[in-house]
């Protein structure tokens, strides 16, 4: 059995915060990055681990600075 760590919430928290700061809904962001709102919701809630390519698409769509 794997236990949750603080790092498990790092990416989901970051992604949700970035989306909310830009006042985007899941539907708005999903249209920009080509993912379903359900898929984005699962990433933000930590139920699904995002692929690096998914994070890159979100960053490019919203011009986030990651680094």
N, C-alpha and C. Protein backbone atom coordinates (compact mmCIF):
# COMPACT_ATOMS: atom_id res chain seq x y z
N UNK A 1 0.84 -1.18 0.00
CA UNK A 1 0.00 0.00 0.00
C UNK A 1 0.88 1.25 0.00
N UNK A 2 0.55 2.21 -0.85
CA UNK A 2 1.31 3.45 -0.95
C UNK A 2 0.59 4.55 -0.18
N UNK A 3 1.34 5.30 0.60
CA UNK A 3 0.77 6.40 1.37
C UNK A 3 0.99 7.71 0.65
N UNK A 4 0.02 8.61 0.75
CA UNK A 4 0.13 9.93 0.12
C UNK A 4 1.20 10.76 0.83
N UNK A 5 1.93 11.52 0.04
CA UNK A 5 2.93 12.42 0.57
C UNK A 5 2.59 13.84 0.13
N UNK A 6 3.21 14.85 0.76
CA UNK A 6 2.94 16.23 0.32
C UNK A 6 3.25 16.46 -1.16
N UNK A 7 4.23 15.75 -1.70
CA UNK A 7 4.58 15.90 -3.12
C UNK A 7 3.46 15.41 -4.04
N UNK A 8 2.63 14.50 -3.55
CA UNK A 8 1.54 13.97 -4.38
C UNK A 8 0.56 15.07 -4.77
N UNK A 9 0.45 16.11 -3.97
CA UNK A 9 -0.49 17.20 -4.24
C UNK A 9 0.15 18.38 -4.94
N UNK A 10 1.45 18.35 -5.16
CA UNK A 10 2.15 19.50 -5.71
C UNK A 10 1.64 19.89 -7.10
N UNK A 11 1.63 18.97 -8.03
CA UNK A 11 1.19 19.28 -9.39
C UNK A 11 -0.30 19.58 -9.45
N UNK A 12 -1.16 18.76 -8.86
CA UNK A 12 -2.59 19.10 -8.91
C UNK A 12 -2.90 20.47 -8.31
N UNK A 13 -2.26 20.80 -7.21
CA UNK A 13 -2.49 22.10 -6.57
C UNK A 13 -2.01 23.23 -7.46
N UNK A 14 -0.84 23.07 -8.04
CA UNK A 14 -0.30 24.10 -8.93
C UNK A 14 -1.23 24.33 -10.13
N UNK A 15 -1.65 23.25 -10.77
CA UNK A 15 -2.49 23.37 -11.95
C UNK A 15 -3.82 24.04 -11.63
N UNK A 16 -4.45 23.65 -10.55
CA UNK A 16 -5.73 24.26 -10.16
C UNK A 16 -5.55 25.74 -9.84
N UNK A 17 -4.48 26.07 -9.12
CA UNK A 17 -4.22 27.47 -8.76
C UNK A 17 -4.00 28.32 -10.01
N UNK A 18 -3.22 27.81 -10.95
CA UNK A 18 -2.97 28.54 -12.18
C UNK A 18 -4.27 28.77 -12.97
N UNK A 19 -5.07 27.74 -13.06
CA UNK A 19 -6.34 27.86 -13.80
C UNK A 19 -7.27 28.86 -13.11
N UNK A 20 -7.38 28.78 -11.80
CA UNK A 20 -8.26 29.68 -11.06
C UNK A 20 -7.78 31.13 -11.12
N UNK A 21 -6.47 31.35 -11.05
CA UNK A 21 -5.94 32.71 -11.13
C UNK A 21 -6.27 33.35 -12.47
N UNK A 22 -6.38 32.55 -13.50
CA UNK A 22 -6.71 33.06 -14.83
C UNK A 22 -8.22 33.06 -15.08
N UNK A 23 -8.97 32.68 -14.06
CA UNK A 23 -10.44 32.64 -14.11
C UNK A 23 -10.95 31.78 -15.27
N UNK A 24 -10.30 30.63 -15.44
CA UNK A 24 -10.73 29.68 -16.46
C UNK A 24 -11.54 28.57 -15.83
N UNK A 25 -12.56 28.15 -16.52
CA UNK A 25 -13.29 26.96 -16.10
C UNK A 25 -12.57 25.74 -16.67
N UNK A 26 -12.93 24.58 -16.17
CA UNK A 26 -12.38 23.35 -16.74
C UNK A 26 -12.74 23.25 -18.22
N UNK A 27 -13.93 23.69 -18.58
CA UNK A 27 -14.37 23.64 -19.96
C UNK A 27 -13.53 24.56 -20.85
N UNK A 28 -13.24 25.78 -20.37
CA UNK A 28 -12.41 26.70 -21.14
C UNK A 28 -11.02 26.12 -21.39
N UNK A 29 -10.40 25.64 -20.31
CA UNK A 29 -9.06 25.10 -20.44
C UNK A 29 -9.04 23.84 -21.30
N UNK A 30 -10.04 23.00 -21.13
CA UNK A 30 -10.07 21.76 -21.91
C UNK A 30 -10.16 22.05 -23.41
N UNK A 31 -10.89 23.07 -23.80
CA UNK A 31 -10.98 23.45 -25.21
C UNK A 31 -9.63 23.92 -25.73
N UNK A 32 -8.87 24.61 -24.90
CA UNK A 32 -7.57 25.13 -25.32
C UNK A 32 -6.51 24.05 -25.45
N UNK A 33 -6.58 23.02 -24.59
CA UNK A 33 -5.51 22.01 -24.57
C UNK A 33 -5.91 20.68 -25.20
N UNK A 34 -7.17 20.54 -25.58
CA UNK A 34 -7.59 19.32 -26.25
C UNK A 34 -7.76 18.12 -25.34
N UNK A 35 -8.17 18.39 -24.10
CA UNK A 35 -8.48 17.31 -23.15
C UNK A 35 -9.90 17.52 -22.65
N UNK A 36 -10.52 16.46 -22.21
CA UNK A 36 -11.88 16.60 -21.70
C UNK A 36 -11.86 17.28 -20.32
N UNK A 37 -12.95 17.98 -19.98
CA UNK A 37 -13.04 18.57 -18.64
C UNK A 37 -12.91 17.51 -17.54
N UNK A 38 -13.45 16.32 -17.79
CA UNK A 38 -13.36 15.23 -16.81
C UNK A 38 -11.91 14.84 -16.58
N UNK A 39 -11.14 14.74 -17.65
CA UNK A 39 -9.73 14.37 -17.54
C UNK A 39 -8.97 15.42 -16.72
N UNK A 40 -9.19 16.70 -17.03
CA UNK A 40 -8.54 17.78 -16.28
C UNK A 40 -8.95 17.75 -14.81
N UNK A 41 -10.21 17.49 -14.56
CA UNK A 41 -10.70 17.43 -13.18
C UNK A 41 -10.01 16.31 -12.41
N UNK A 42 -9.82 15.17 -13.05
CA UNK A 42 -9.14 14.05 -12.40
C UNK A 42 -7.68 14.37 -12.11
N UNK A 43 -7.04 15.11 -13.00
CA UNK A 43 -5.65 15.53 -12.76
C UNK A 43 -5.61 16.49 -11.58
N UNK A 44 -6.49 17.49 -11.57
CA UNK A 44 -6.50 18.49 -10.50
C UNK A 44 -6.86 17.90 -9.15
N UNK A 45 -7.65 16.85 -9.14
CA UNK A 45 -8.04 16.24 -7.87
C UNK A 45 -7.05 15.18 -7.40
N UNK A 46 -6.04 14.90 -8.23
CA UNK A 46 -5.03 13.92 -7.86
C UNK A 46 -5.43 12.49 -8.12
N UNK A 47 -6.55 12.28 -8.80
CA UNK A 47 -7.01 10.92 -9.11
C UNK A 47 -6.26 10.33 -10.30
N UNK A 48 -5.65 11.20 -11.09
CA UNK A 48 -4.92 10.75 -12.29
C UNK A 48 -3.63 11.54 -12.38
N UNK A 49 -2.55 10.85 -12.68
CA UNK A 49 -1.26 11.51 -12.86
C UNK A 49 -1.17 12.02 -14.30
N UNK A 50 -0.81 13.29 -14.45
CA UNK A 50 -0.72 13.83 -15.82
C UNK A 50 0.57 13.39 -16.50
N UNK A 51 0.52 13.24 -17.79
CA UNK A 51 1.72 13.02 -18.57
C UNK A 51 2.45 14.35 -18.68
N UNK A 52 3.74 14.29 -18.90
CA UNK A 52 4.51 15.51 -19.09
C UNK A 52 3.97 16.29 -20.28
N UNK A 53 3.59 15.58 -21.33
CA UNK A 53 3.06 16.26 -22.52
C UNK A 53 1.77 17.01 -22.21
N UNK A 54 0.97 16.50 -21.29
CA UNK A 54 -0.26 17.19 -20.89
C UNK A 54 0.07 18.47 -20.14
N UNK A 55 1.04 18.41 -19.25
CA UNK A 55 1.45 19.60 -18.51
C UNK A 55 2.01 20.64 -19.47
N UNK A 56 2.80 20.18 -20.44
CA UNK A 56 3.37 21.10 -21.43
C UNK A 56 2.29 21.78 -22.25
N UNK A 57 1.27 21.03 -22.65
CA UNK A 57 0.17 21.63 -23.43
C UNK A 57 -0.57 22.68 -22.61
N UNK A 58 -0.80 22.40 -21.32
CA UNK A 58 -1.46 23.38 -20.46
C UNK A 58 -0.60 24.62 -20.30
N UNK A 59 0.69 24.42 -20.13
CA UNK A 59 1.61 25.54 -19.95
C UNK A 59 1.66 26.40 -21.22
N UNK A 60 1.74 25.76 -22.36
CA UNK A 60 1.80 26.50 -23.62
C UNK A 60 0.50 27.26 -23.88
N UNK A 61 -0.62 26.64 -23.60
CA UNK A 61 -1.91 27.28 -23.84
C UNK A 61 -2.10 28.52 -22.98
N UNK A 62 -1.56 28.50 -21.80
CA UNK A 62 -1.74 29.62 -20.88
C UNK A 62 -0.47 30.41 -20.63
N UNK A 63 0.59 30.08 -21.35
CA UNK A 63 1.88 30.76 -21.24
C UNK A 63 2.40 30.79 -19.79
N UNK A 64 2.27 29.66 -19.11
CA UNK A 64 2.79 29.54 -17.76
C UNK A 64 4.30 29.42 -17.83
N UNK A 65 4.96 29.98 -16.86
CA UNK A 65 6.41 29.84 -16.76
C UNK A 65 6.69 28.70 -15.79
N UNK A 66 7.24 27.63 -16.30
CA UNK A 66 7.58 26.48 -15.48
C UNK A 66 9.08 26.27 -15.60
N UNK A 67 9.74 26.24 -14.45
CA UNK A 67 11.17 26.02 -14.57
C UNK A 67 11.92 26.29 -13.33
